[in-house]
Amino acid sequence: MAQNTKNGKTVTADDGKYSEYQPGKSWDTDEFVASNSPITVPYKYAGLFLTYTMLVGFGLSIMLAIIFRFEETTYTHCRVANYFPSTSAAIATTPSAYVWRLVICLCSLPRLLFVLYCYHFYINVSCQLRYYRGLCHLCFIAEMLENLSLIGLSCISSDDNYDIHEILFISFQVGAMLHMILMCIVFKMATTRYDDVRSDTGIFKRKGALQRKMFFCVMNILAFLISIYFFFRHQNRCEPGVYSLFAIFEYLVVLTNVLFHEDTWKDFSNRCIIYGGRAHNKLMTE
């Protein structure tokens, strides 16, 4: 190989073929193509990332509130002994607010994209059962309401504007419960035709998935109803520790919500998210 310098640029010759050298560009064709290859992320790992990010972030927010802002986050108008802060009180104070908002920044876009993918997947399932497509539409709306309300209540804390935060929290929980109920129904309708045909290992996994979804759904609704009971009991009777029971069941609401979504993501564990695939194909065909 010979090298010559012309007008400040290096030109190489190899077997009679000339090409201009460009700084920062490798001569290795395979290396250049590899740097523009699409990024493939299995849904399994994307789901695990979202699940553990939400759980660790939530747990860390509660712990930081207890350690650094215990008096402030457990104080209520009753002025009785409490031991755990509510979720809203915890994420409204620093440093917990910084942690939780960072978690929402990391997880919101992937969660919203998954809502779109999940809707696109189920709406295209060949299901002749009545009301199936309508339920898919309602499930999509409920999940979008849940996620957008979660973003809103995380950005507007109860200290910033209590009324707006309360409205967003109610819309979040209503959207979450409706989504879980509708998702169980849609999943059952979408997989019924397989149950009628055969009962191999794959079908048992589908049945197990439905059972897990129904379990988390029922637990979420029960935890929410019990938390509401303790909330109003605390408001009316001002008993020591009752507000902490409300907070504990509120934690269970968050936990079962995250686990329900994690189980939904598991349904697509054999699929992958591909970034840059279209650009890569265009590059290879030109």
Protein backbone atom coordinates (compact mmCIF):
# COMPACT_ATOMS: atom_id res chain seq x y z
CA MET A 1 0.00 0.00 0.00
CA ALA A 2 1.34 3.44 -0.93
CA GLN A 3 0.44 6.75 0.71
CA ASN A 4 0.68 10.21 -0.83
CA THR A 5 -0.17 13.61 0.58
CA LYS A 6 -2.19 15.93 -1.64
CA ASN A 7 -3.62 19.32 -0.58
CA GLY A 8 -3.25 18.41 3.08
CA LYS A 9 -5.14 15.11 2.67
CA THR A 10 -3.73 11.61 2.74
CA VAL A 11 -4.54 9.38 -0.22
CA THR A 12 -3.90 5.65 -0.09
CA ALA A 13 -3.53 3.20 -2.92
CA ASP A 14 -4.23 -0.52 -2.62
CA ASP A 15 -4.32 -2.72 -5.73
CA GLY A 16 -4.87 0.26 -7.97
CA LYS A 17 -7.91 1.57 -6.01
CA TYR A 18 -7.78 5.02 -4.51
CA SER A 19 -9.94 6.46 -1.75
CA GLU A 20 -9.72 9.67 0.19
CA TYR A 21 -8.96 9.42 3.89
CA GLN A 22 -11.42 11.14 6.21
CA PRO A 23 -10.43 11.74 9.83
CA GLY A 24 -12.55 9.75 12.25
CA LYS A 25 -13.67 7.20 9.63
CA SER A 26 -12.26 3.70 9.76
CA TRP A 27 -10.98 1.97 6.64
CA ASP A 28 -12.39 -1.27 7.99
CA THR A 29 -15.74 -1.65 6.20
CA ASP A 30 -17.09 -4.18 8.72
CA GLU A 31 -16.24 -1.87 11.60
CA PHE A 32 -17.97 1.05 9.88
CA VAL A 33 -21.15 -0.95 9.24
CA ALA A 34 -21.13 -2.33 12.78
CA SER A 35 -21.07 1.20 14.18
CA ASN A 36 -24.31 1.89 12.29
CA SER A 37 -25.99 -1.39 13.10
CA PRO A 38 -29.40 -1.32 14.83
CA ILE A 39 -29.50 -1.71 18.60
CA THR A 40 -31.61 -4.67 19.69
CA VAL A 41 -33.04 -4.73 23.21
CA PRO A 42 -35.13 -7.76 24.26
CA TYR A 43 -38.46 -6.83 25.83
CA LYS A 44 -37.52 -9.05 28.75
CA TYR A 45 -34.64 -6.80 29.77
CA ALA A 46 -36.51 -3.59 29.00
CA GLY A 47 -39.32 -4.77 31.25
CA LEU A 48 -36.92 -5.72 34.03
CA PHE A 49 -35.25 -2.31 33.78
CA LEU A 50 -38.57 -0.48 34.11
CA THR A 51 -39.78 -2.73 36.93
CA TYR A 52 -36.66 -2.49 39.10
CA THR A 53 -36.18 1.21 38.37
CA MET A 54 -39.71 1.92 39.57
CA LEU A 55 -39.46 -0.35 42.63
CA VAL A 56 -36.00 0.79 43.72
CA GLY A 57 -36.87 4.44 43.10
CA PHE A 58 -40.10 4.17 45.06
CA GLY A 59 -38.47 2.34 47.96
CA LEU A 60 -35.59 4.82 48.06
CA SER A 61 -38.00 7.77 48.05
CA ILE A 62 -39.85 6.38 51.09
CA MET A 63 -36.60 5.62 52.93
CA LEU A 64 -35.17 9.09 52.31
CA ALA A 65 -38.39 10.70 53.50
CA ILE A 66 -38.26 8.67 56.73
CA ILE A 67 -34.56 9.40 57.31
CA PHE A 68 -34.42 13.10 56.44
CA ARG A 69 -38.01 14.41 56.63
CA PHE A 70 -39.75 12.13 59.11
CA GLU A 71 -41.56 14.79 61.15
CA GLU A 72 -42.64 16.74 58.09
CA THR A 73 -43.90 13.77 56.06
CA THR A 74 -45.75 12.02 58.92
CA TYR A 75 -47.42 15.16 60.28
CA THR A 76 -51.22 15.46 59.87
CA HIS A 77 -53.90 17.78 61.22
CA CYS A 78 -54.64 15.21 63.98
CA ARG A 79 -51.16 15.62 65.49
CA VAL A 80 -51.03 11.98 66.60
CA ALA A 81 -48.19 9.48 66.35
CA ASN A 82 -47.51 8.17 62.83
CA TYR A 83 -44.67 5.99 61.65
CA PHE A 84 -44.74 5.98 57.83
CA PRO A 85 -45.27 8.79 55.32
CA SER A 86 -47.87 8.58 52.60
CA THR A 87 -46.64 8.29 49.03
CA SER A 88 -47.75 11.82 48.17
CA ALA A 89 -46.02 13.29 51.23
CA ALA A 90 -42.80 11.37 50.55
CA ILE A 91 -42.40 12.40 46.89
CA ALA A 92 -43.28 16.02 47.70
CA THR A 93 -40.18 16.66 49.81
CA THR A 94 -36.51 16.70 48.93
CA PRO A 95 -34.41 14.64 48.43
CA SER A 96 -37.13 12.07 47.73
CA ALA A 97 -38.74 14.34 45.14
CA TYR A 98 -35.51 14.41 43.11
CA VAL A 99 -35.22 10.62 43.14
CA TRP A 100 -38.84 10.02 42.14
CA ARG A 101 -38.84 12.60 39.36
CA LEU A 102 -35.65 11.09 37.97
CA VAL A 103 -37.37 7.68 37.95
CA ILE A 104 -40.35 9.15 36.09
CA CYS A 105 -38.02 10.79 33.55
CA LEU A 106 -36.32 7.44 32.89
CA CYS A 107 -39.49 5.36 32.69
CA SER A 108 -42.20 7.57 31.21
CA LEU A 109 -41.23 7.40 27.54
CA PRO A 110 -40.65 3.60 27.49
CA ARG A 111 -43.95 3.07 29.32
CA LEU A 112 -45.87 5.25 26.86
CA LEU A 113 -44.26 3.53 23.88
CA PHE A 114 -45.20 0.16 25.34
CA VAL A 115 -48.81 1.33 25.70
CA LEU A 116 -48.85 2.01 21.96
CA TYR A 117 -47.19 -1.30 21.12
CA CYS A 118 -49.50 -3.28 23.39
CA TYR A 119 -52.56 -1.64 21.84
CA HIS A 120 -51.27 -2.27 18.33
CA PHE A 121 -50.60 -5.91 19.18
CA TYR A 122 -53.97 -6.74 20.75
CA ILE A 123 -56.08 -4.77 18.26
CA ASN A 124 -54.59 -6.90 15.48
CA VAL A 125 -55.31 -10.24 17.17
CA SER A 126 -57.79 -12.25 15.13
CA CYS A 127 -60.61 -12.44 17.68
CA GLN A 128 -64.24 -12.70 16.61
CA LEU A 129 -65.67 -12.33 20.09
CA ARG A 130 -68.16 -9.52 20.56
CA TYR A 131 -66.92 -6.20 21.97
CA TYR A 132 -63.27 -7.30 21.72
CA ARG A 133 -62.06 -4.33 19.67
CA GLY A 134 -64.07 -1.88 21.77
CA LEU A 135 -62.49 -3.25 24.93
CA CYS A 136 -59.05 -2.86 23.34
CA HIS A 137 -59.80 0.83 22.71
CA LEU A 138 -60.98 1.34 26.29
CA CYS A 139 -57.95 -0.49 27.68
CA PHE A 140 -55.65 1.78 25.66
CA ILE A 141 -57.43 4.94 26.89
CA ALA A 142 -57.32 3.77 30.51
CA GLU A 143 -53.60 2.96 30.36
CA MET A 144 -52.79 6.29 28.72
CA LEU A 145 -54.79 8.06 31.43
CA GLU A 146 -52.88 6.13 34.09
CA ASN A 147 -49.45 6.99 32.69
CA LEU A 148 -50.17 10.65 31.91
CA SER A 149 -51.71 11.14 35.36
CA LEU A 150 -48.63 9.54 36.93
CA ILE A 151 -46.40 12.02 35.13
CA GLY A 152 -48.63 14.88 36.23
CA LEU A 153 -48.85 13.97 39.92
CA SER A 154 -45.08 13.41 40.00
CA CYS A 155 -44.42 16.87 38.56
CA ILE A 156 -47.07 18.65 40.65
CA SER A 157 -46.65 17.55 44.26
CA SER A 158 -49.20 17.93 47.02
CA ASP A 159 -47.10 20.80 48.42
CA ASP A 160 -47.15 22.60 45.07
CA ASN A 161 -50.90 22.39 44.48
CA TYR A 162 -52.89 19.99 46.63
CA ASP A 163 -56.13 20.18 44.62
CA ILE A 164 -54.52 19.44 41.26
CA HIS A 165 -52.36 16.70 42.79
CA GLU A 166 -55.46 15.10 44.29
CA ILE A 167 -57.30 15.17 40.95
CA LEU A 168 -54.30 13.63 39.18
CA PHE A 169 -53.97 10.94 41.85
CA ILE A 170 -57.65 9.99 41.53
CA SER A 171 -57.43 9.87 37.73
CA PHE A 172 -54.25 7.78 38.01
CA GLN A 173 -55.85 5.20 40.29
CA VAL A 174 -59.12 5.09 38.31
CA GLY A 175 -57.17 4.66 35.07
CA ALA A 176 -54.94 2.00 36.64
CA MET A 177 -57.82 -0.08 38.00
CA LEU A 178 -59.81 0.17 34.77
CA HIS A 179 -56.73 -0.79 32.76
CA MET A 180 -56.02 -3.83 34.92
CA ILE A 181 -59.61 -5.08 34.74
CA LEU A 182 -59.85 -4.48 31.00
CA MET A 183 -56.42 -6.01 30.36
CA CYS A 184 -57.48 -9.22 32.10
CA ILE A 185 -60.62 -9.37 29.96
CA VAL A 186 -58.79 -8.55 26.71
CA PHE A 187 -56.05 -11.08 27.45
CA LYS A 188 -58.63 -13.77 28.18
CA MET A 189 -60.58 -13.01 24.98
CA ALA A 190 -57.41 -12.89 22.86
CA THR A 191 -56.21 -16.30 24.08
CA THR A 192 -59.53 -18.16 24.32
CA ARG A 193 -59.24 -19.64 20.84
CA TYR A 194 -55.92 -21.28 21.80
CA ASP A 195 -57.39 -22.86 24.93
CA ASP A 196 -60.11 -24.50 22.83
CA VAL A 197 -57.64 -26.02 20.36
CA ARG A 198 -54.79 -27.49 22.33
CA SER A 199 -53.26 -27.57 25.82
CA ASP A 200 -49.50 -27.73 25.33
CA THR A 201 -46.86 -26.05 27.47
CA GLY A 202 -47.35 -22.68 25.79
CA ILE A 203 -51.01 -22.62 26.68
CA PHE A 204 -50.30 -23.41 30.32
CA LYS A 205 -48.01 -20.38 30.38
CA ARG A 206 -50.83 -18.24 29.00
CA LYS A 207 -53.21 -19.51 31.68
CA GLY A 208 -50.61 -18.77 34.33
CA ALA A 209 -50.21 -15.26 32.96
CA LEU A 210 -53.94 -14.62 33.22
CA GLN A 211 -54.00 -15.90 36.80
CA ARG A 212 -51.11 -13.61 37.77
CA LYS A 213 -52.80 -10.62 36.17
CA MET A 214 -56.05 -11.32 37.97
CA PHE A 215 -54.19 -11.78 41.27
CA PHE A 216 -52.37 -8.43 41.02
CA CYS A 217 -55.55 -6.73 39.84
CA VAL A 218 -57.62 -8.00 42.78
CA MET A 219 -54.85 -7.23 45.28
CA ASN A 220 -54.49 -3.70 43.89
CA ILE A 221 -58.19 -2.95 44.19
CA LEU A 222 -58.42 -4.45 47.70
CA ALA A 223 -55.35 -2.53 48.88
CA PHE A 224 -56.79 0.69 47.47
CA LEU A 225 -60.18 0.18 49.16
CA ILE A 226 -58.54 -0.66 52.50
CA SER A 227 -56.27 2.39 52.25
CA ILE A 228 -59.33 4.58 51.63
CA TYR A 229 -60.97 3.10 54.73
CA PHE A 230 -57.95 3.90 56.92
CA PHE A 231 -57.66 7.38 55.39
CA PHE A 232 -61.20 8.39 56.33
CA ARG A 233 -60.91 6.65 59.69
CA HIS A 234 -57.84 8.76 60.42
CA GLN A 235 -59.63 11.91 59.25
CA ASN A 236 -62.65 11.27 61.45
CA ARG A 237 -61.19 9.64 64.59
CA CYS A 238 -57.55 10.80 64.71
CA GLU A 239 -56.28 7.52 66.15
CA PRO A 240 -52.51 7.00 66.56
CA GLY A 241 -50.94 4.83 63.85
CA VAL A 242 -54.02 4.67 61.60
CA TYR A 243 -52.47 7.05 59.08
CA SER A 244 -49.46 4.73 58.93
CA LEU A 245 -51.78 1.82 58.05
CA PHE A 246 -53.17 3.98 55.26
CA ALA A 247 -49.62 4.59 54.05
CA ILE A 248 -48.70 0.88 54.13
CA PHE A 249 -51.70 -0.12 52.02
CA GLU A 250 -50.91 2.76 49.69
CA TYR A 251 -47.46 1.21 49.22
CA LEU A 252 -49.18 -2.08 48.32
CA VAL A 253 -51.21 -0.23 45.70
CA VAL A 254 -48.01 0.99 44.06
CA LEU A 255 -46.30 -2.40 44.38
CA THR A 256 -49.16 -4.39 42.80
CA ASN A 257 -49.48 -1.81 40.04
CA VAL A 258 -45.82 -2.13 39.08
CA LEU A 259 -45.94 -5.94 39.25
CA PHE A 260 -49.06 -6.03 37.07
CA HIS A 261 -47.28 -4.02 34.39
CA GLU A 262 -44.20 -6.22 34.76
CA ASP A 263 -46.36 -9.28 34.11
CA THR A 264 -47.84 -7.62 31.02
CA TRP A 265 -44.36 -6.92 29.69
CA LYS A 266 -43.52 -10.60 30.21
CA ASP A 267 -46.08 -11.52 27.55
CA PHE A 268 -43.69 -10.06 24.97
CA SER A 269 -40.47 -11.51 26.39
CA ASN A 270 -39.78 -13.31 23.10
CA ARG A 271 -39.79 -10.03 21.17
CA CYS A 272 -37.18 -7.31 20.79
CA ILE A 273 -37.08 -3.53 20.50
CA ILE A 274 -34.92 -2.46 17.54
CA TYR A 275 -33.46 1.04 17.36
CA GLY A 276 -32.09 2.27 14.04
CA GLY A 277 -33.09 -0.77 11.99
CA ARG A 278 -34.71 1.24 9.19
CA ALA A 279 -31.72 3.54 8.83
CA HIS A 280 -29.44 0.49 8.82
CA ASN A 281 -31.42 -1.22 6.06
CA LYS A 282 -31.36 1.96 4.01
CA LEU A 283 -27.60 2.20 4.41
CA MET A 284 -27.05 -1.39 3.33
CA THR A 285 -29.21 -1.15 0.22
CA GLU A 286 -27.71 2.02 -1.17
